[in-house]
Every structure is written in C-alpha cells, then in structure tokens.
Amino acid sequence: MPIFEFRCQQCQHFFEELVFNRDAPVTCPQCGSDQVAKQMSVSAIKTSRGFVSSAGPSSCSTCSTESCSICSNASGFSSDDRY
C-alpha cells in the first residue's frame, strides 16, 4: 500500500497518509495546512538474526534491535515527536 510519511511545514506535525494519486493534495490533519513535505521512510526487515534496517546500524540504546521505526536514531527524531 502506498503509505507515505509527511511533516507539516507550518506546525511540524509528523503524520502518515495513504496516497493513491501522487498529484492529489495532502493536508496536515492537525492544522489543515497544505505545506507538507514527504519524509524519507525507513524500512526494516525481520530476519532470523533480528531486524535489518535501510537506515543502517545505529547506536540505539533504547532496544535490542539495531534500528527500528520507534528509535530516535533511525529517523532523526524521537517517537514522541512523530504523532
């Protein structure tokens, strides 16, 4: 499914949006602004040795995986900032 991560340029809110048509406008669900920027998504694959991330290994001390979507090291912001 085409789910993308966005950050509002006006209120800095992070959100995900299901986008079927790339020309369709995306608005911030918090403030309604159409000034949003698509964020680089980090993907992770679970293997027999744990998680492998497209962001590469991190120095995450919050969990036992090398990198994950809730880790502040994986995406450059903390999970509290996202939603």
PDB file of N, CA and C in Angstrom:
ATOM      1  N   MET A   1       0.841  -1.190   0.000  1.00  0.00           N
ATOM      2  CA  MET A   1       0.000   0.000   0.000  1.00  0.00           C
ATOM      3  C   MET A   1       0.881   1.245   0.000  1.00  0.00           C
ATOM      4  N   PRO A   2       0.462   2.268  -0.694  1.00  0.00           N
ATOM      5  CA  PRO A   2       1.264   3.498  -0.775  1.00  0.00           C
ATOM      6  C   PRO A   2       1.038   4.428   0.415  1.00  0.00           C
ATOM      7  N   ILE A   3       1.629   4.073   1.542  1.00  0.00           N
ATOM      8  CA  ILE A   3       1.540   4.910   2.733  1.00  0.00           C
ATOM      9  C   ILE A   3       2.843   5.696   2.835  1.00  0.00           C
ATOM     10  N   PHE A   4       2.723   7.012   2.900  1.00  0.00           N
ATOM     11  CA  PHE A   4       3.890   7.880   2.969  1.00  0.00           C
ATOM     12  C   PHE A   4       3.896   8.653   4.274  1.00  0.00           C
ATOM     13  N   GLU A   5       5.079   9.018   4.727  1.00  0.00           N
ATOM     14  CA  GLU A   5       5.235   9.840   5.921  1.00  0.00           C
ATOM     15  C   GLU A   5       5.446  11.285   5.482  1.00  0.00           C
ATOM     16  N   PHE A   6       4.800  12.197   6.192  1.00  0.00           N
ATOM     17  CA  PHE A   6       4.891  13.620   5.884  1.00  0.00           C
ATOM     18  C   PHE A   6       5.190  14.412   7.146  1.00  0.00           C
ATOM     19  N   ARG A   7       5.731  15.592   6.957  1.00  0.00           N
ATOM     20  CA  ARG A   7       5.924  16.546   8.054  1.00  0.00           C
ATOM     21  C   ARG A   7       5.346  17.870   7.601  1.00  0.00           C
ATOM     22  N   CYS A   8       4.491  18.435   8.423  1.00  0.00           N
ATOM     23  CA  CYS A   8       3.875  19.726   8.122  1.00  0.00           C
ATOM     24  C   CYS A   8       4.915  20.832   8.294  1.00  0.00           C
ATOM     25  N   GLN A   9       5.032  21.678   7.295  1.00  0.00           N
ATOM     26  CA  GLN A   9       5.985  22.785   7.350  1.00  0.00           C
ATOM     27  C   GLN A   9       5.497  23.902   8.278  1.00  0.00           C
ATOM     28  N   GLN A  10       4.192  23.930   8.532  1.00  0.00           N
ATOM     29  CA  GLN A  10       3.633  25.002   9.364  1.00  0.00           C
ATOM     30  C   GLN A  10       3.670  24.658  10.856  1.00  0.00           C
ATOM     31  N   CYS A  11       3.178  23.468  11.229  1.00  0.00           N
ATOM     32  CA  CYS A  11       3.103  23.125  12.659  1.00  0.00           C
ATOM     33  C   CYS A  11       4.090  22.031  13.072  1.00  0.00           C
ATOM     34  N   GLN A  12       4.874  21.500  12.130  1.00  0.00           N
ATOM     35  CA  GLN A  12       5.900  20.479  12.374  1.00  0.00           C
ATOM     36  C   GLN A  12       5.334  19.117  12.773  1.00  0.00           C
ATOM     37  N   HIS A  13       4.059  18.888  12.541  1.00  0.00           N
ATOM     38  CA  HIS A  13       3.409  17.618  12.878  1.00  0.00           C
ATOM     39  C   HIS A  13       3.833  16.532  11.888  1.00  0.00           C
ATOM     40  N   PHE A  14       4.208  15.348  12.401  1.00  0.00           N
ATOM     41  CA  PHE A  14       4.512  14.190  11.564  1.00  0.00           C
ATOM     42  C   PHE A  14       3.256  13.347  11.445  1.00  0.00           C
ATOM     43  N   PHE A  15       2.980  12.859  10.221  1.00  0.00           N
ATOM     44  CA  PHE A  15       1.813  12.011  10.027  1.00  0.00           C
ATOM     45  C   PHE A  15       2.018  11.110   8.824  1.00  0.00           C
ATOM     46  N   GLU A  16       1.210  10.054   8.744  1.00  0.00           N
ATOM     47  CA  GLU A  16       1.225   9.142   7.613  1.00  0.00           C
ATOM     48  C   GLU A  16      -0.047   9.355   6.811  1.00  0.00           C
ATOM     49  N   GLU A  17       0.054   9.166   5.509  1.00  0.00           N
ATOM     50  CA  GLU A  17      -1.097   9.365   4.636  1.00  0.00           C
ATOM     51  C   GLU A  17      -1.097   8.288   3.552  1.00  0.00           C
ATOM     52  N   LEU A  18      -2.249   7.698   3.306  1.00  0.00           N
ATOM     53  CA  LEU A  18      -2.432   6.750   2.229  1.00  0.00           C
ATOM     54  C   LEU A  18      -2.652   7.550   0.955  1.00  0.00           C
ATOM     55  N   VAL A  19      -1.736   7.452  -0.008  1.00  0.00           N
ATOM     56  CA  VAL A  19      -1.779   8.282  -1.205  1.00  0.00           C
ATOM     57  C   VAL A  19      -1.862   7.378  -2.437  1.00  0.00           C
ATOM     58  N   PHE A  20      -3.004   7.411  -3.123  1.00  0.00           N
ATOM     59  CA  PHE A  20      -3.173   6.618  -4.332  1.00  0.00           C
ATOM     60  C   PHE A  20      -2.760   7.406  -5.573  1.00  0.00           C
ATOM     61  N   ASN A  21      -2.973   8.696  -5.556  1.00  0.00           N
ATOM     62  CA  ASN A  21      -2.667   9.556  -6.693  1.00  0.00           C
ATOM     63  C   ASN A  21      -1.615  10.560  -6.248  1.00  0.00           C
ATOM     64  N   ARG A  22      -0.440  10.496  -6.859  1.00  0.00           N
ATOM     65  CA  ARG A  22       0.641  11.375  -6.388  1.00  0.00           C
ATOM     66  C   ARG A  22       0.362  12.846  -6.642  1.00  0.00           C
ATOM     67  N   ASP A  23      -0.620  13.160  -7.492  1.00  0.00           N
ATOM     68  CA  ASP A  23      -0.985  14.549  -7.754  1.00  0.00           C
ATOM     69  C   ASP A  23      -2.055  15.073  -6.795  1.00  0.00           C
ATOM     70  N   ALA A  24      -2.624  14.175  -5.989  1.00  0.00           N
ATOM     71  CA  ALA A  24      -3.652  14.585  -5.032  1.00  0.00           C
ATOM     72  C   ALA A  24      -3.028  15.400  -3.910  1.00  0.00           C
ATOM     73  N   PRO A  25      -3.670  16.486  -3.500  1.00  0.00           N
ATOM     74  CA  PRO A  25      -3.108  17.306  -2.418  1.00  0.00           C
ATOM     75  C   PRO A  25      -3.154  16.569  -1.076  1.00  0.00           C
ATOM     76  N   VAL A  26      -2.131  16.770  -0.290  1.00  0.00           N
ATOM     77  CA  VAL A  26      -2.057  16.194   1.058  1.00  0.00           C
ATOM     78  C   VAL A  26      -2.078  17.351   2.032  1.00  0.00           C
ATOM     79  N   THR A  27      -2.947  17.268   3.031  1.00  0.00           N
ATOM     80  CA  THR A  27      -3.040  18.327   4.034  1.00  0.00           C
ATOM     81  C   THR A  27      -2.758  17.758   5.420  1.00  0.00           C
ATOM     82  N   CYS A  28      -2.247  18.599   6.272  1.00  0.00           N
ATOM     83  CA  CYS A  28      -1.933  18.216   7.642  1.00  0.00           C
ATOM     84  C   CYS A  28      -3.229  17.965   8.417  1.00  0.00           C
ATOM     85  N   PRO A  29      -3.356  16.804   9.070  1.00  0.00           N
ATOM     86  CA  PRO A  29      -4.572  16.530   9.838  1.00  0.00           C
ATOM     87  C   PRO A  29      -4.674  17.366  11.116  1.00  0.00           C
ATOM     88  N   GLN A  30      -3.563  17.959  11.540  1.00  0.00           N
ATOM     89  CA  GLN A  30      -3.573  18.739  12.781  1.00  0.00           C
ATOM     90  C   GLN A  30      -3.968  20.195  12.538  1.00  0.00           C
ATOM     91  N   CYS A  31      -3.367  20.833  11.522  1.00  0.00           N
ATOM     92  CA  CYS A  31      -3.640  22.260  11.313  1.00  0.00           C
ATOM     93  C   CYS A  31      -4.313  22.559   9.975  1.00  0.00           C
ATOM     94  N   GLY A  32      -4.374  21.572   9.072  1.00  0.00           N
ATOM     95  CA  GLY A  32      -5.036  21.768   7.793  1.00  0.00           C
ATOM     96  C   GLY A  32      -4.178  22.393   6.707  1.00  0.00           C
ATOM     97  N   SER A  33      -2.918  22.661   6.979  1.00  0.00           N
ATOM     98  CA  SER A  33      -2.025  23.281   6.002  1.00  0.00           C
ATOM     99  C   SER A  33      -1.726  22.309   4.866  1.00  0.00           C
ATOM    100  N   ASP A  34      -1.564  22.861   3.664  1.00  0.00           N
ATOM    101  CA  ASP A  34      -1.164  22.028   2.533  1.00  0.00           C
ATOM    102  C   ASP A  34       0.341  22.124   2.285  1.00  0.00           C
ATOM    103  N   GLN A  35       1.050  22.782   3.169  1.00  0.00           N
ATOM    104  CA  GLN A  35       2.505  22.903   3.073  1.00  0.00           C
ATOM    105  C   GLN A  35       3.148  21.750   3.843  1.00  0.00           C
ATOM    106  N   VAL A  36       3.192  20.584   3.197  1.00  0.00           N
ATOM    107  CA  VAL A  36       3.740  19.386   3.814  1.00  0.00           C
ATOM    108  C   VAL A  36       4.900  18.870   2.973  1.00  0.00           C
ATOM    109  N   ALA A  37       5.833  18.194   3.612  1.00  0.00           N
ATOM    110  CA  ALA A  37       6.992  17.628   2.923  1.00  0.00           C
ATOM    111  C   ALA A  37       7.032  16.125   3.160  1.00  0.00           C
ATOM    112  N   LYS A  38       7.204  15.383   2.075  1.00  0.00           N
ATOM    113  CA  LYS A  38       7.315  13.935   2.186  1.00  0.00           C
ATOM    114  C   LYS A  38       8.651  13.610   2.855  1.00  0.00           C
ATOM    115  N   GLN A  39       8.615  12.693   3.812  1.00  0.00           N
ATOM    116  CA  GLN A  39       9.805  12.302   4.552  1.00  0.00           C
ATOM    117  C   GLN A  39      10.372  11.001   3.989  1.00  0.00           C
ATOM    118  N   MET A  40      11.648  10.807   4.164  1.00  0.00           N
ATOM    119  CA  MET A  40      12.286   9.561   3.765  1.00  0.00           C
ATOM    120  C   MET A  40      11.885   8.488   4.767  1.00  0.00           C
ATOM    121  N   SER A  41      11.264   7.435   4.291  1.00  0.00           N
ATOM    122  CA  SER A  41      10.823   6.355   5.164  1.00  0.00           C
ATOM    123  C   SER A  41      11.954   5.372   5.397  1.00  0.00           C
ATOM    124  N   VAL A  42      12.005   4.845   6.592  1.00  0.00           N
ATOM    125  CA  VAL A  42      12.977   3.829   6.951  1.00  0.00           C
ATOM    126  C   VAL A  42      12.239   2.504   6.962  1.00  0.00           C
ATOM    127  N   SER A  43      12.743   1.549   6.229  1.00  0.00           N
ATOM    128  CA  SER A  43      12.106   0.239   6.215  1.00  0.00           C
ATOM    129  C   SER A  43      12.968  -0.743   6.997  1.00  0.00           C
ATOM    130  N   ALA A  44      12.306  -1.714   7.584  1.00  0.00           N
ATOM    131  CA  ALA A  44      13.018  -2.737   8.359  1.00  0.00           C
ATOM    132  C   ALA A  44      12.484  -4.102   7.962  1.00  0.00           C
ATOM    133  N   ILE A  45      13.384  -5.066   7.916  1.00  0.00           N
ATOM    134  CA  ILE A  45      13.021  -6.429   7.568  1.00  0.00           C
ATOM    135  C   ILE A  45      13.463  -7.327   8.716  1.00  0.00           C
ATOM    136  N   LYS A  46      12.541  -8.169   9.175  1.00  0.00           N
ATOM    137  CA  LYS A  46      12.881  -9.088  10.254  1.00  0.00           C
ATOM    138  C   LYS A  46      13.497 -10.342   9.650  1.00  0.00           C
ATOM    139  N   THR A  47      14.667 -10.689  10.116  1.00  0.00           N
ATOM    140  CA  THR A  47      15.364 -11.896   9.681  1.00  0.00           C
ATOM    141  C   THR A  47      15.569 -12.804  10.874  1.00  0.00           C
ATOM    142  N   SER A  48      16.189 -13.933  10.642  1.00  0.00           N
ATOM    143  CA  SER A  48      16.463 -14.865  11.745  1.00  0.00           C
ATOM    144  C   SER A  48      17.459 -14.279  12.743  1.00  0.00           C
ATOM    145  N   ARG A  49      18.227 -13.257  12.325  1.00  0.00           N
ATOM    146  CA  ARG A  49      19.199 -12.614  13.211  1.00  0.00           C
ATOM    147  C   ARG A  49      18.677 -11.327  13.836  1.00  0.00           C
ATOM    148  N   GLY A  50      17.449 -10.974  13.571  1.00  0.00           N
ATOM    149  CA  GLY A  50      16.884  -9.744  14.122  1.00  0.00           C
ATOM    150  C   GLY A  50      16.396  -8.843  13.007  1.00  0.00           C
ATOM    151  N   PHE A  51      16.422  -7.546  13.232  1.00  0.00           N
ATOM    152  CA  PHE A  51      15.942  -6.585  12.253  1.00  0.00           C
ATOM    153  C   PHE A  51      17.093  -6.004  11.453  1.00  0.00           C
ATOM    154  N   VAL A  52      16.858  -5.828  10.166  1.00  0.00           N
ATOM    155  CA  VAL A  52      17.799  -5.164   9.280  1.00  0.00           C
ATOM    156  C   VAL A  52      17.093  -3.914   8.778  1.00  0.00           C
ATOM    157  N   SER A  53      17.744  -2.781   8.878  1.00  0.00           N
ATOM    158  CA  SER A  53      17.131  -1.511   8.516  1.00  0.00           C
ATOM    159  C   SER A  53      17.796  -0.899   7.306  1.00  0.00           C
ATOM    160  N   SER A  54      17.005  -0.189   6.499  1.00  0.00           N
ATOM    161  CA  SER A  54      17.568   0.535   5.366  1.00  0.00           C
ATOM    162  C   SER A  54      18.369   1.747   5.837  1.00  0.00           C
ATOM    163  N   ALA A  55      18.217   2.133   7.092  1.00  0.00           N
ATOM    164  CA  ALA A  55      18.964   3.258   7.640  1.00  0.00           C
ATOM    165  C   ALA A  55      20.365   2.838   8.080  1.00  0.00           C
ATOM    166  N   GLY A  56      20.614   1.538   8.112  1.00  0.00           N
ATOM    167  CA  GLY A  56      21.911   1.048   8.555  1.00  0.00           C
ATOM    168  C   GLY A  56      21.946   0.896  10.054  1.00  0.00           C
ATOM    169  N   PRO A  57      23.044   0.361  10.579  1.00  0.00           N
ATOM    170  CA  PRO A  57      23.143   0.164  12.026  1.00  0.00           C
ATOM    171  C   PRO A  57      23.168   1.496  12.772  1.00  0.00           C
ATOM    172  N   SER A  58      22.646   1.485  13.960  1.00  0.00           N
ATOM    173  CA  SER A  58      22.650   2.697  14.775  1.00  0.00           C
ATOM    174  C   SER A  58      23.203   2.373  16.146  1.00  0.00           C
ATOM    175  N   SER A  59      23.383   3.388  16.925  1.00  0.00           N
ATOM    176  CA  SER A  59      23.852   3.195  18.297  1.00  0.00           C
ATOM    177  C   SER A  59      22.676   3.282  19.247  1.00  0.00           C
ATOM    178  N   CYS A  60      21.584   2.656  18.877  1.00  0.00           N
ATOM    179  CA  CYS A  60      20.354   2.702  19.663  1.00  0.00           C
ATOM    180  C   CYS A  60      20.550   2.000  21.005  1.00  0.00           C
ATOM    181  N   SER A  61      20.200   2.684  22.062  1.00  0.00           N
ATOM    182  CA  SER A  61      20.312   2.079  23.381  1.00  0.00           C
ATOM    183  C   SER A  61      18.937   1.850  23.997  1.00  0.00           C
ATOM    184  N   THR A  62      17.867   2.143  23.226  1.00  0.00           N
ATOM    185  CA  THR A  62      16.526   2.015  23.785  1.00  0.00           C
ATOM    186  C   THR A  62      15.927   0.634  23.583  1.00  0.00           C
ATOM    187  N   CYS A  63      16.521  -0.173  22.677  1.00  0.00           N
ATOM    188  CA  CYS A  63      16.002  -1.512  22.459  1.00  0.00           C
ATOM    189  C   CYS A  63      17.135  -2.407  21.964  1.00  0.00           C
ATOM    190  N   SER A  64      16.843  -3.672  21.754  1.00  0.00           N
ATOM    191  CA  SER A  64      17.884  -4.617  21.367  1.00  0.00           C
ATOM    192  C   SER A  64      18.088  -4.696  19.856  1.00  0.00           C
ATOM    193  N   THR A  65      17.223  -4.071  19.057  1.00  0.00           N
ATOM    194  CA  THR A  65      17.413  -4.109  17.614  1.00  0.00           C
ATOM    195  C   THR A  65      18.407  -3.042  17.195  1.00  0.00           C
ATOM    196  N   GLU A  66      18.986  -3.192  15.996  1.00  0.00           N
ATOM    197  CA  GLU A  66      19.947  -2.213  15.520  1.00  0.00           C
ATOM    198  C   GLU A  66      19.265  -0.895  15.164  1.00  0.00           C
ATOM    199  N   SER A  67      18.081  -0.981  14.594  1.00  0.00           N
ATOM    200  CA  SER A  67      17.347   0.209  14.219  1.00  0.00           C
ATOM    201  C   SER A  67      15.892  -0.170  14.013  1.00  0.00           C
ATOM    202  N   CYS A  68      14.985   0.734  14.369  1.00  0.00           N
ATOM    203  CA  CYS A  68      13.570   0.442  14.188  1.00  0.00           C
ATOM    204  C   CYS A  68      12.795   1.744  14.024  1.00  0.00           C
ATOM    205  N   SER A  69      11.545   1.640  13.666  1.00  0.00           N
ATOM    206  CA  SER A  69      10.762   2.837  13.376  1.00  0.00           C
ATOM    207  C   SER A  69      10.490   3.694  14.609  1.00  0.00           C
ATOM    208  N   ILE A  70      10.603   3.124  15.810  1.00  0.00           N
ATOM    209  CA  ILE A  70      10.353   3.929  17.008  1.00  0.00           C
ATOM    210  C   ILE A  70      11.631   4.483  17.615  1.00  0.00           C
ATOM    211  N   CYS A  71      12.768   4.118  17.044  1.00  0.00           N
ATOM    212  CA  CYS A  71      14.057   4.557  17.567  1.00  0.00           C
ATOM    213  C   CYS A  71      14.374   5.959  17.065  1.00  0.00           C
ATOM    214  N   SER A  72      14.788   6.845  17.930  1.00  0.00           N
ATOM    215  CA  SER A  72      15.125   8.204  17.506  1.00  0.00           C
ATOM    216  C   SER A  72      16.332   8.221  16.588  1.00  0.00           C
ATOM    217  N   ASN A  73      17.192   7.219  16.667  1.00  0.00           N
ATOM    218  CA  ASN A  73      18.367   7.166  15.800  1.00  0.00           C
ATOM    219  C   ASN A  73      18.025   6.739  14.385  1.00  0.00           C
ATOM    220  N   ALA A  74      16.904   6.062  14.190  1.00  0.00           N
ATOM    221  CA  ALA A  74      16.564   5.550  12.862  1.00  0.00           C
ATOM    222  C   ALA A  74      16.073   6.653  11.941  1.00  0.00           C
ATOM    223  N   SER A  75      15.388   7.641  12.466  1.00  0.00           N
ATOM    224  CA  SER A  75      14.770   8.621  11.589  1.00  0.00           C
ATOM    225  C   SER A  75      15.160  10.068  11.883  1.00  0.00           C
ATOM    226  N   GLY A  76      15.948  10.300  12.924  1.00  0.00           N
ATOM    227  CA  GLY A  76      16.375  11.647  13.225  1.00  0.00           C
ATOM    228  C   GLY A  76      15.467  12.401  14.167  1.00  0.00           C
ATOM    229  N   PHE A  77      14.383  11.787  14.624  1.00  0.00           N
ATOM    230  CA  PHE A  77      13.515  12.423  15.603  1.00  0.00           C
ATOM    231  C   PHE A  77      13.002  11.358  16.538  1.00  0.00           C
ATOM    232  N   SER A  78      12.601  11.739  17.727  1.00  0.00           N
ATOM    233  CA  SER A  78      12.145  10.764  18.699  1.00  0.00           C
ATOM    234  C   SER A  78      10.714  10.349  18.420  1.00  0.00           C
ATOM    235  N   SER A  79      10.318   9.189  18.930  1.00  0.00           N
ATOM    236  CA  SER A  79       8.966   8.706  18.706  1.00  0.00           C
ATOM    237  C   SER A  79       7.931   9.653  19.312  1.00  0.00           C
ATOM    238  N   ASP A  80       8.297  10.419  20.325  1.00  0.00           N
ATOM    239  CA  ASP A  80       7.367  11.378  20.917  1.00  0.00           C
ATOM    240  C   ASP A  80       7.078  12.536  19.955  1.00  0.00           C
ATOM    241  N   ASP A  81       8.013  12.852  19.065  1.00  0.00           N
ATOM    242  CA  ASP A  81       7.844  13.953  18.123  1.00  0.00           C
ATOM    243  C   ASP A  81       6.973  13.578  16.937  1.00  0.00           C
ATOM    244  N   ARG A  82       6.812  12.305  16.671  1.00  0.00           N
ATOM    245  CA  ARG A  82       6.183  11.884  15.439  1.00  0.00           C
ATOM    246  C   ARG A  82       4.680  12.104  15.416  1.00  0.00           C
ATOM    247  N   TYR A  83       3.951  11.660  16.413  1.00  0.00           N
ATOM    248  CA  TYR A  83       2.498  11.705  16.304  1.00  0.00           C
ATOM    249  C   TYR A  83       1.910  12.370  17.478  1.00  0.00           C
TER     250      TYR A  83
END
